[in-house]
Amino acid sequence: MAKKDHVSETPATQWLKAHRVAYTEHPYEYLEHGGALHSAEVLGQDPFTVVKTLIMQDQDAKPLVVLMHGNRKVSTKNLARQIGAKSVEPCAPEVANRHSGYLVGGTSPFGTRKTMPIYIEESILALPCICINGGRRGFLVGLDPQVCVQLLGARPVQCALAE
């Protein structure tokens, strides 16, 4: 039996520890462009409980974070309408990296370089536990989704589309 991999600290795990958040570590073999569906499959998780951290921007190029189920897409039209923006679109990877301080594929909502508004798909909050990126490619953390609202100030939205 292989011993459990321990993942070194990331800005996200440092943030979680500083805020006394209980979490579990879930390292996995990262696959370029594998996304949440790959990590869910490798870890034996339901993709609905694996949450993607997406860095997007509004019409003024102001960044924002969207937390979405691993097996859903974001309706940018619905999101824009709900947050009072004219439009919302994904950031280019290098722009997302600059805003978050994380590489795309390893973006966590915790410990980001810039403080950005965070929006969470409302149905995520009904889950007892989610797996979300821990600040490195190939590393998820399991925690209570309420942490996103209580400590990050994430605002619930309804903008999920079937994958």
N, C-alpha and C. Protein backbone atom coordinates (compact mmCIF):
# COMPACT_ATOMS: atom_id res chain seq x y z
N MET A 1 0.85 -1.19 0.00
CA MET A 1 0.00 0.00 0.00
C MET A 1 0.89 1.24 0.00
N ALA A 2 0.69 2.12 -0.94
CA ALA A 2 1.49 3.35 -1.02
C ALA A 2 1.12 4.28 0.13
N LYS A 3 2.12 4.96 0.66
CA LYS A 3 1.79 5.90 1.75
C LYS A 3 1.13 7.13 1.15
N LYS A 4 0.32 7.78 1.95
CA LYS A 4 -0.42 8.97 1.51
C LYS A 4 0.58 10.06 1.18
N ASP A 5 0.46 10.63 -0.01
CA ASP A 5 1.35 11.72 -0.41
C ASP A 5 1.04 12.94 0.44
N HIS A 6 2.08 13.60 0.91
CA HIS A 6 1.86 14.89 1.58
C HIS A 6 2.28 15.96 0.59
N VAL A 7 1.45 16.96 0.45
CA VAL A 7 1.73 18.04 -0.49
C VAL A 7 2.27 19.22 0.29
N SER A 8 3.34 19.82 -0.22
CA SER A 8 3.93 20.96 0.49
C SER A 8 2.96 22.14 0.47
N GLU A 9 3.22 23.06 1.39
CA GLU A 9 2.36 24.23 1.55
C GLU A 9 2.19 25.01 0.25
N THR A 10 1.03 25.57 0.09
CA THR A 10 0.74 26.49 -1.01
C THR A 10 0.15 27.74 -0.35
N PRO A 11 0.04 28.85 -1.07
CA PRO A 11 -0.64 30.02 -0.50
C PRO A 11 -2.06 29.65 -0.02
N ALA A 12 -2.71 28.73 -0.73
CA ALA A 12 -4.08 28.33 -0.37
C ALA A 12 -4.09 27.58 0.97
N THR A 13 -3.18 26.59 1.13
CA THR A 13 -3.19 25.84 2.39
C THR A 13 -2.71 26.72 3.55
N GLN A 14 -1.81 27.64 3.29
CA GLN A 14 -1.40 28.59 4.34
C GLN A 14 -2.60 29.43 4.76
N TRP A 15 -3.39 29.89 3.79
CA TRP A 15 -4.58 30.70 4.08
C TRP A 15 -5.57 29.88 4.89
N LEU A 16 -5.83 28.63 4.47
CA LEU A 16 -6.78 27.77 5.18
C LEU A 16 -6.33 27.53 6.62
N LYS A 17 -5.04 27.27 6.81
CA LYS A 17 -4.53 27.06 8.17
C LYS A 17 -4.64 28.33 9.01
N ALA A 18 -4.31 29.47 8.42
CA ALA A 18 -4.39 30.75 9.14
C ALA A 18 -5.83 31.04 9.59
N HIS A 19 -6.81 30.57 8.81
CA HIS A 19 -8.22 30.80 9.14
C HIS A 19 -8.83 29.61 9.87
N ARG A 20 -7.98 28.67 10.28
CA ARG A 20 -8.39 27.48 11.05
C ARG A 20 -9.51 26.68 10.36
N VAL A 21 -9.35 26.49 9.06
CA VAL A 21 -10.32 25.72 8.28
C VAL A 21 -9.87 24.26 8.24
N ALA A 22 -10.78 23.36 8.61
CA ALA A 22 -10.48 21.92 8.52
C ALA A 22 -10.59 21.51 7.06
N TYR A 23 -9.58 20.81 6.56
CA TYR A 23 -9.62 20.33 5.18
C TYR A 23 -8.85 19.03 5.06
N THR A 24 -9.13 18.29 4.00
CA THR A 24 -8.40 17.06 3.70
C THR A 24 -7.62 17.29 2.42
N GLU A 25 -6.48 16.61 2.28
CA GLU A 25 -5.63 16.75 1.09
C GLU A 25 -5.88 15.62 0.11
N HIS A 26 -6.00 15.97 -1.16
CA HIS A 26 -6.27 14.98 -2.21
C HIS A 26 -5.33 15.19 -3.40
N PRO A 27 -4.07 14.74 -3.29
CA PRO A 27 -3.17 14.86 -4.44
C PRO A 27 -3.54 13.83 -5.52
N TYR A 28 -3.29 14.17 -6.77
CA TYR A 28 -3.55 13.25 -7.87
C TYR A 28 -2.59 13.58 -9.02
N GLU A 29 -2.54 12.67 -9.97
CA GLU A 29 -1.68 12.85 -11.14
C GLU A 29 -2.32 13.88 -12.07
N TYR A 30 -1.69 15.05 -12.21
CA TYR A 30 -2.24 16.12 -13.03
C TYR A 30 -2.15 15.77 -14.51
N LEU A 31 -3.20 16.10 -15.25
CA LEU A 31 -3.24 15.89 -16.69
C LEU A 31 -3.55 17.22 -17.35
N GLU A 32 -2.65 17.69 -18.22
CA GLU A 32 -2.86 18.96 -18.94
C GLU A 32 -4.21 18.91 -19.63
N HIS A 33 -5.04 19.91 -19.41
CA HIS A 33 -6.39 20.03 -19.98
C HIS A 33 -7.35 18.93 -19.51
N GLY A 34 -6.98 18.22 -18.43
CA GLY A 34 -7.86 17.16 -17.90
C GLY A 34 -9.03 17.75 -17.13
N GLY A 35 -8.76 18.87 -16.45
CA GLY A 35 -9.79 19.58 -15.72
C GLY A 35 -10.40 18.81 -14.57
N ALA A 36 -11.53 19.34 -14.11
CA ALA A 36 -12.21 18.78 -12.94
C ALA A 36 -12.72 17.36 -13.20
N LEU A 37 -13.10 17.07 -14.44
CA LEU A 37 -13.60 15.72 -14.74
C LEU A 37 -12.51 14.68 -14.55
N HIS A 38 -11.29 15.01 -14.98
CA HIS A 38 -10.16 14.10 -14.80
C HIS A 38 -9.85 13.91 -13.31
N SER A 39 -9.76 15.02 -12.56
CA SER A 39 -9.42 14.89 -11.14
C SER A 39 -10.50 14.11 -10.40
N ALA A 40 -11.76 14.33 -10.74
CA ALA A 40 -12.86 13.60 -10.09
C ALA A 40 -12.72 12.10 -10.36
N GLU A 41 -12.43 11.76 -11.62
CA GLU A 41 -12.31 10.35 -12.00
C GLU A 41 -11.14 9.70 -11.26
N VAL A 42 -9.99 10.35 -11.25
CA VAL A 42 -8.80 9.79 -10.61
C VAL A 42 -9.00 9.62 -9.10
N LEU A 43 -9.69 10.58 -8.49
CA LEU A 43 -9.89 10.54 -7.04
C LEU A 43 -11.16 9.78 -6.64
N GLY A 44 -11.92 9.30 -7.62
CA GLY A 44 -13.14 8.56 -7.31
C GLY A 44 -14.23 9.45 -6.72
N GLN A 45 -14.25 10.70 -7.15
CA GLN A 45 -15.24 11.66 -6.66
C GLN A 45 -16.32 11.90 -7.72
N ASP A 46 -17.48 12.33 -7.27
CA ASP A 46 -18.54 12.74 -8.18
C ASP A 46 -18.13 14.10 -8.75
N PRO A 47 -18.08 14.27 -10.10
CA PRO A 47 -17.65 15.55 -10.67
C PRO A 47 -18.52 16.73 -10.22
N PHE A 48 -19.74 16.45 -9.77
CA PHE A 48 -20.64 17.50 -9.26
C PHE A 48 -20.09 18.09 -7.96
N THR A 49 -19.29 17.30 -7.21
CA THR A 49 -18.75 17.76 -5.93
C THR A 49 -17.32 18.31 -6.06
N VAL A 50 -16.75 18.18 -7.26
CA VAL A 50 -15.43 18.77 -7.52
C VAL A 50 -15.67 20.15 -8.11
N VAL A 51 -15.17 21.18 -7.44
CA VAL A 51 -15.49 22.55 -7.82
C VAL A 51 -14.33 23.21 -8.55
N LYS A 52 -14.64 23.77 -9.72
CA LYS A 52 -13.63 24.49 -10.51
C LYS A 52 -13.55 25.94 -10.01
N THR A 53 -12.33 26.49 -10.03
CA THR A 53 -12.12 27.90 -9.71
C THR A 53 -11.78 28.59 -11.03
N LEU A 54 -12.69 29.42 -11.51
CA LEU A 54 -12.51 30.07 -12.80
C LEU A 54 -12.28 31.57 -12.62
N ILE A 55 -11.24 32.08 -13.26
CA ILE A 55 -10.97 33.52 -13.21
C ILE A 55 -11.56 34.12 -14.48
N MET A 56 -12.50 35.03 -14.30
CA MET A 56 -13.18 35.67 -15.43
C MET A 56 -13.03 37.17 -15.29
N GLN A 57 -13.56 37.89 -16.26
CA GLN A 57 -13.51 39.36 -16.19
C GLN A 57 -14.78 39.93 -16.77
N ASP A 58 -15.12 41.15 -16.29
CA ASP A 58 -16.30 41.82 -16.83
C ASP A 58 -15.90 42.68 -18.02
N GLN A 59 -16.86 43.48 -18.51
CA GLN A 59 -16.62 44.30 -19.70
C GLN A 59 -15.52 45.33 -19.50
N ASP A 60 -15.21 45.68 -18.25
CA ASP A 60 -14.15 46.64 -17.96
C ASP A 60 -12.82 45.95 -17.63
N ALA A 61 -12.75 44.65 -17.90
CA ALA A 61 -11.57 43.82 -17.62
C ALA A 61 -11.27 43.73 -16.12
N LYS A 62 -12.31 43.93 -15.28
CA LYS A 62 -12.16 43.74 -13.83
C LYS A 62 -12.30 42.25 -13.56
N PRO A 63 -11.33 41.65 -12.85
CA PRO A 63 -11.38 40.21 -12.61
C PRO A 63 -12.40 39.81 -11.55
N LEU A 64 -12.89 38.59 -11.69
CA LEU A 64 -13.78 38.00 -10.70
C LEU A 64 -13.57 36.50 -10.71
N VAL A 65 -13.99 35.86 -9.63
CA VAL A 65 -13.82 34.42 -9.49
C VAL A 65 -15.20 33.76 -9.52
N VAL A 66 -15.30 32.66 -10.26
CA VAL A 66 -16.54 31.88 -10.29
C VAL A 66 -16.20 30.46 -9.85
N LEU A 67 -16.95 29.98 -8.87
CA LEU A 67 -16.80 28.60 -8.39
C LEU A 67 -17.96 27.79 -8.96
N MET A 68 -17.61 26.76 -9.74
CA MET A 68 -18.62 26.01 -10.50
C MET A 68 -18.39 24.51 -10.36
N HIS A 69 -19.49 23.75 -10.39
CA HIS A 69 -19.40 22.28 -10.38
C HIS A 69 -18.47 21.82 -11.50
N GLY A 70 -17.73 20.75 -11.26
CA GLY A 70 -16.79 20.22 -12.24
C GLY A 70 -17.43 19.75 -13.52
N ASN A 71 -18.70 19.37 -13.46
CA ASN A 71 -19.38 18.86 -14.66
C ASN A 71 -20.41 19.85 -15.20
N ARG A 72 -20.20 21.14 -14.92
CA ARG A 72 -21.08 22.18 -15.44
C ARG A 72 -20.25 23.29 -16.07
N LYS A 73 -20.87 24.02 -16.98
CA LYS A 73 -20.25 25.21 -17.57
C LYS A 73 -20.93 26.44 -16.99
N VAL A 74 -20.29 27.58 -17.14
CA VAL A 74 -20.86 28.85 -16.68
C VAL A 74 -21.60 29.52 -17.83
N SER A 75 -22.85 29.89 -17.58
CA SER A 75 -23.57 30.72 -18.54
C SER A 75 -23.13 32.15 -18.26
N THR A 76 -22.24 32.67 -19.10
CA THR A 76 -21.71 34.01 -18.86
C THR A 76 -22.81 35.06 -18.97
N LYS A 77 -23.81 34.81 -19.81
CA LYS A 77 -24.94 35.76 -19.93
C LYS A 77 -25.72 35.82 -18.62
N ASN A 78 -26.06 34.64 -18.07
CA ASN A 78 -26.80 34.61 -16.80
C ASN A 78 -25.97 35.23 -15.67
N LEU A 79 -24.69 34.91 -15.66
CA LEU A 79 -23.82 35.46 -14.61
C LEU A 79 -23.77 36.98 -14.71
N ALA A 80 -23.53 37.50 -15.90
CA ALA A 80 -23.44 38.95 -16.09
C ALA A 80 -24.73 39.63 -15.62
N ARG A 81 -25.86 39.06 -15.98
CA ARG A 81 -27.15 39.63 -15.59
C ARG A 81 -27.28 39.67 -14.06
N GLN A 82 -26.88 38.58 -13.40
CA GLN A 82 -27.04 38.50 -11.94
C GLN A 82 -26.08 39.40 -11.17
N ILE A 83 -24.93 39.70 -11.75
CA ILE A 83 -23.97 40.53 -11.01
C ILE A 83 -23.97 41.98 -11.49
N GLY A 84 -24.88 42.30 -12.42
CA GLY A 84 -25.01 43.67 -12.88
C GLY A 84 -23.92 44.11 -13.85
N ALA A 85 -23.36 43.15 -14.58
CA ALA A 85 -22.33 43.47 -15.57
C ALA A 85 -22.94 43.42 -16.97
N LYS A 86 -22.33 44.13 -17.92
CA LYS A 86 -22.79 44.06 -19.31
C LYS A 86 -22.40 42.72 -19.91
N SER A 87 -21.19 42.27 -19.58
CA SER A 87 -20.71 40.98 -20.10
C SER A 87 -19.66 40.41 -19.17
N VAL A 88 -19.48 39.09 -19.26
CA VAL A 88 -18.45 38.38 -18.50
C VAL A 88 -17.83 37.38 -19.46
N GLU A 89 -16.51 37.24 -19.38
CA GLU A 89 -15.82 36.25 -20.22
C GLU A 89 -14.63 35.70 -19.44
N PRO A 90 -14.18 34.50 -19.81
CA PRO A 90 -12.99 33.95 -19.15
C PRO A 90 -11.77 34.82 -19.46
N CYS A 91 -10.87 34.92 -18.50
CA CYS A 91 -9.60 35.62 -18.73
C CYS A 91 -8.68 34.71 -19.55
N ALA A 92 -7.78 35.31 -20.30
CA ALA A 92 -6.72 34.53 -20.95
C ALA A 92 -5.87 33.91 -19.83
N PRO A 93 -5.30 32.72 -20.05
CA PRO A 93 -4.54 32.06 -18.99
C PRO A 93 -3.48 32.93 -18.32
N GLU A 94 -2.72 33.70 -19.13
CA GLU A 94 -1.66 34.52 -18.52
C GLU A 94 -2.24 35.65 -17.67
N VAL A 95 -3.41 36.16 -18.05
CA VAL A 95 -4.09 37.20 -17.27
C VAL A 95 -4.63 36.59 -15.97
N ALA A 96 -5.24 35.42 -16.08
CA ALA A 96 -5.75 34.71 -14.90
C ALA A 96 -4.61 34.43 -13.92
N ASN A 97 -3.46 33.99 -14.44
CA ASN A 97 -2.30 33.72 -13.59
C ASN A 97 -1.87 34.98 -12.85
N ARG A 98 -1.87 36.11 -13.55
CA ARG A 98 -1.45 37.38 -12.96
C ARG A 98 -2.39 37.80 -11.83
N HIS A 99 -3.69 37.66 -12.06
CA HIS A 99 -4.68 38.07 -11.05
C HIS A 99 -4.64 37.16 -9.83
N SER A 100 -4.59 35.84 -10.06
CA SER A 100 -4.73 34.90 -8.95
C SER A 100 -3.41 34.57 -8.27
N GLY A 101 -2.31 34.65 -9.03
CA GLY A 101 -1.03 34.20 -8.49
C GLY A 101 -0.83 32.70 -8.64
N TYR A 102 -1.78 32.03 -9.27
CA TYR A 102 -1.71 30.58 -9.48
C TYR A 102 -1.66 30.29 -10.97
N LEU A 103 -1.07 29.14 -11.32
CA LEU A 103 -1.10 28.68 -12.70
C LEU A 103 -2.49 28.13 -13.01
N VAL A 104 -2.99 28.37 -14.22
CA VAL A 104 -4.26 27.79 -14.62
C VAL A 104 -4.12 26.27 -14.49
N GLY A 105 -5.14 25.65 -13.91
CA GLY A 105 -5.08 24.22 -13.61
C GLY A 105 -4.72 24.00 -12.15
N GLY A 106 -4.27 25.05 -11.50
CA GLY A 106 -3.92 24.98 -10.08
C GLY A 106 -4.48 26.17 -9.32
N THR A 107 -5.52 26.81 -9.87
CA THR A 107 -6.07 28.02 -9.27
C THR A 107 -6.99 27.68 -8.10
N SER A 108 -6.72 28.30 -6.98
CA SER A 108 -7.55 28.16 -5.78
C SER A 108 -8.19 29.50 -5.47
N PRO A 109 -9.39 29.50 -4.87
CA PRO A 109 -9.98 30.78 -4.46
C PRO A 109 -9.36 31.31 -3.17
N PHE A 110 -8.56 30.46 -2.51
CA PHE A 110 -7.96 30.83 -1.23
C PHE A 110 -6.54 31.35 -1.44
N GLY A 111 -6.21 32.46 -0.82
CA GLY A 111 -4.85 32.98 -0.90
C GLY A 111 -4.49 33.54 -2.26
N THR A 112 -5.43 34.15 -2.94
CA THR A 112 -5.14 34.73 -4.26
C THR A 112 -4.29 35.99 -4.11
N ARG A 113 -3.55 36.30 -5.16
CA ARG A 113 -2.70 37.49 -5.17
C ARG A 113 -3.52 38.75 -5.01
N LYS A 114 -4.62 38.85 -5.79
CA LYS A 114 -5.51 40.01 -5.73
C LYS A 114 -6.81 39.61 -5.04
N THR A 115 -7.41 40.55 -4.35
CA THR A 115 -8.75 40.31 -3.81
C THR A 115 -9.74 40.58 -4.93
N MET A 116 -10.55 39.59 -5.23
CA MET A 116 -11.52 39.71 -6.32
C MET A 116 -12.89 39.29 -5.80
N PRO A 117 -13.97 39.82 -6.38
CA PRO A 117 -15.29 39.33 -5.98
C PRO A 117 -15.42 37.86 -6.37
N ILE A 118 -16.06 37.08 -5.51
CA ILE A 118 -16.20 35.64 -5.74
C ILE A 118 -17.68 35.30 -5.81
N TYR A 119 -18.03 34.53 -6.84
CA TYR A 119 -19.40 34.07 -7.04
C TYR A 119 -19.39 32.55 -7.03
N ILE A 120 -20.37 31.97 -6.34
CA ILE A 120 -20.43 30.51 -6.21
C ILE A 120 -21.78 30.02 -6.71
N GLU A 121 -21.77 29.00 -7.54
CA GLU A 121 -23.02 28.41 -8.01
C GLU A 121 -23.80 27.96 -6.77
N GLU A 122 -25.02 28.44 -6.65
CA GLU A 122 -25.81 28.25 -5.43
C GLU A 122 -25.93 26.79 -5.00
N SER A 123 -26.10 25.87 -5.96
CA SER A 123 -26.30 24.46 -5.61
C SER A 123 -25.07 23.83 -4.95
N ILE A 124 -23.90 24.44 -5.11
CA ILE A 124 -22.68 23.94 -4.44
C ILE A 124 -22.86 24.03 -2.93
N LEU A 125 -23.56 25.07 -2.47
CA LEU A 125 -23.70 25.30 -1.04
C LEU A 125 -24.57 24.25 -0.35
N ALA A 126 -25.32 23.47 -1.12
CA ALA A 126 -26.16 22.41 -0.55
C ALA A 126 -25.36 21.12 -0.32
N LEU A 127 -24.14 21.06 -0.85
CA LEU A 127 -23.32 19.85 -0.70
C LEU A 127 -22.68 19.82 0.69
N PRO A 128 -22.54 18.62 1.27
CA PRO A 128 -21.92 18.52 2.59
C PRO A 128 -20.41 18.78 2.55
N CYS A 129 -19.78 18.42 1.43
CA CYS A 129 -18.33 18.58 1.30
C CYS A 129 -18.00 18.73 -0.19
N ILE A 130 -17.02 19.57 -0.49
CA ILE A 130 -16.57 19.73 -1.87
C ILE A 130 -15.07 19.50 -1.93
N CYS A 131 -14.58 19.20 -3.12
CA CYS A 131 -13.14 19.17 -3.39
C CYS A 131 -12.87 20.36 -4.31
N ILE A 132 -11.90 21.17 -3.92
CA ILE A 132 -11.59 22.39 -4.66
C ILE A 132 -10.08 22.53 -4.72
N ASN A 133 -9.56 23.23 -5.71
CA ASN A 133 -8.12 23.28 -5.88
C ASN A 133 -7.41 23.85 -4.66
N GLY A 134 -6.31 23.20 -4.32
CA GLY A 134 -5.53 23.60 -3.15
C GLY A 134 -4.33 24.47 -3.47
N GLY A 135 -4.29 25.03 -4.69
CA GLY A 135 -3.23 25.97 -5.02
C GLY A 135 -2.07 25.38 -5.80
N ARG A 136 -2.25 24.20 -6.34
CA ARG A 136 -1.21 23.57 -7.16
C ARG A 136 -1.89 22.60 -8.11
N ARG A 137 -1.34 22.46 -9.29
CA ARG A 137 -1.86 21.47 -10.23
C ARG A 137 -1.72 20.09 -9.60
N GLY A 138 -2.77 19.30 -9.69
CA GLY A 138 -2.73 17.95 -9.14
C GLY A 138 -2.96 17.91 -7.63
N PHE A 139 -3.66 18.89 -7.09
CA PHE A 139 -3.89 18.93 -5.64
C PHE A 139 -5.22 19.60 -5.31
N LEU A 140 -6.14 18.80 -4.77
CA LEU A 140 -7.43 19.33 -4.32
C LEU A 140 -7.49 19.25 -2.80
N VAL A 141 -8.32 20.11 -2.22
CA VAL A 141 -8.60 20.02 -0.78
C VAL A 141 -10.09 19.80 -0.62
N GLY A 142 -10.44 18.97 0.35
CA GLY A 142 -11.83 18.70 0.66
C GLY A 142 -12.24 19.55 1.85
N LEU A 143 -13.38 20.26 1.72
CA LEU A 143 -13.84 21.10 2.82
C LEU A 143 -15.33 21.40 2.70
N ASP A 144 -15.87 22.04 3.72
CA ASP A 144 -17.27 22.44 3.75
C ASP A 144 -17.44 23.64 2.81
N PRO A 145 -18.38 23.59 1.86
CA PRO A 145 -18.52 24.71 0.92
C PRO A 145 -18.93 26.02 1.60
N GLN A 146 -19.50 25.95 2.81
CA GLN A 146 -19.90 27.17 3.52
C GLN A 146 -18.70 28.07 3.81
N VAL A 147 -17.50 27.49 3.85
CA VAL A 147 -16.27 28.27 4.05
C VAL A 147 -16.17 29.36 2.99
N CYS A 148 -16.59 29.04 1.77
CA CYS A 148 -16.49 29.99 0.65
C CYS A 148 -17.34 31.23 0.91
N VAL A 149 -18.49 31.05 1.54
CA VAL A 149 -19.37 32.18 1.85
C VAL A 149 -18.88 32.89 3.11
N GLN A 150 -18.63 32.10 4.16
CA GLN A 150 -18.29 32.67 5.46
C GLN A 150 -16.95 33.39 5.46
N LEU A 151 -15.94 32.83 4.80
CA LEU A 151 -14.60 33.43 4.87
C LEU A 151 -14.18 34.18 3.61
N LEU A 152 -14.73 33.81 2.46
CA LEU A 152 -14.36 34.49 1.22
C LEU A 152 -15.41 35.52 0.80
N GLY A 153 -16.58 35.45 1.42
CA GLY A 153 -17.65 36.37 1.03
C GLY A 153 -18.24 36.03 -0.33
N ALA A 154 -18.15 34.76 -0.74
CA ALA A 154 -18.69 34.35 -2.05
C ALA A 154 -20.19 34.59 -2.09
N ARG A 155 -20.65 35.16 -3.21
CA ARG A 155 -22.07 35.43 -3.39
C ARG A 155 -22.71 34.35 -4.26
N PRO A 156 -23.80 33.74 -3.78
CA PRO A 156 -24.46 32.69 -4.57
C PRO A 156 -25.08 33.26 -5.85
N VAL A 157 -24.91 32.51 -6.94
CA VAL A 157 -25.50 32.85 -8.23
C VAL A 157 -26.06 31.57 -8.84
N GLN A 158 -26.89 31.73 -9.87
CA GLN A 158 -27.41 30.58 -10.60
C GLN A 158 -27.04 30.76 -12.07
N CYS A 159 -25.95 30.13 -12.46
CA CYS A 159 -25.47 30.31 -13.85
C CYS A 159 -24.91 29.03 -14.43
N ALA A 160 -25.30 27.87 -13.87
CA ALA A 160 -24.76 26.58 -14.35
C ALA A 160 -25.48 26.11 -15.60
N LEU A 161 -24.70 25.57 -16.53
CA LEU A 161 -25.21 24.91 -17.72
C LEU A 161 -24.66 23.49 -17.71
N ALA A 162 -25.43 22.53 -18.20
CA ALA A 162 -24.94 21.15 -18.29
C ALA A 162 -23.70 21.11 -19.19
N GLU A 163 -22.73 20.32 -18.81
CA GLU A 163 -21.46 20.19 -19.55
C GLU A 163 -21.71 19.50 -20.88
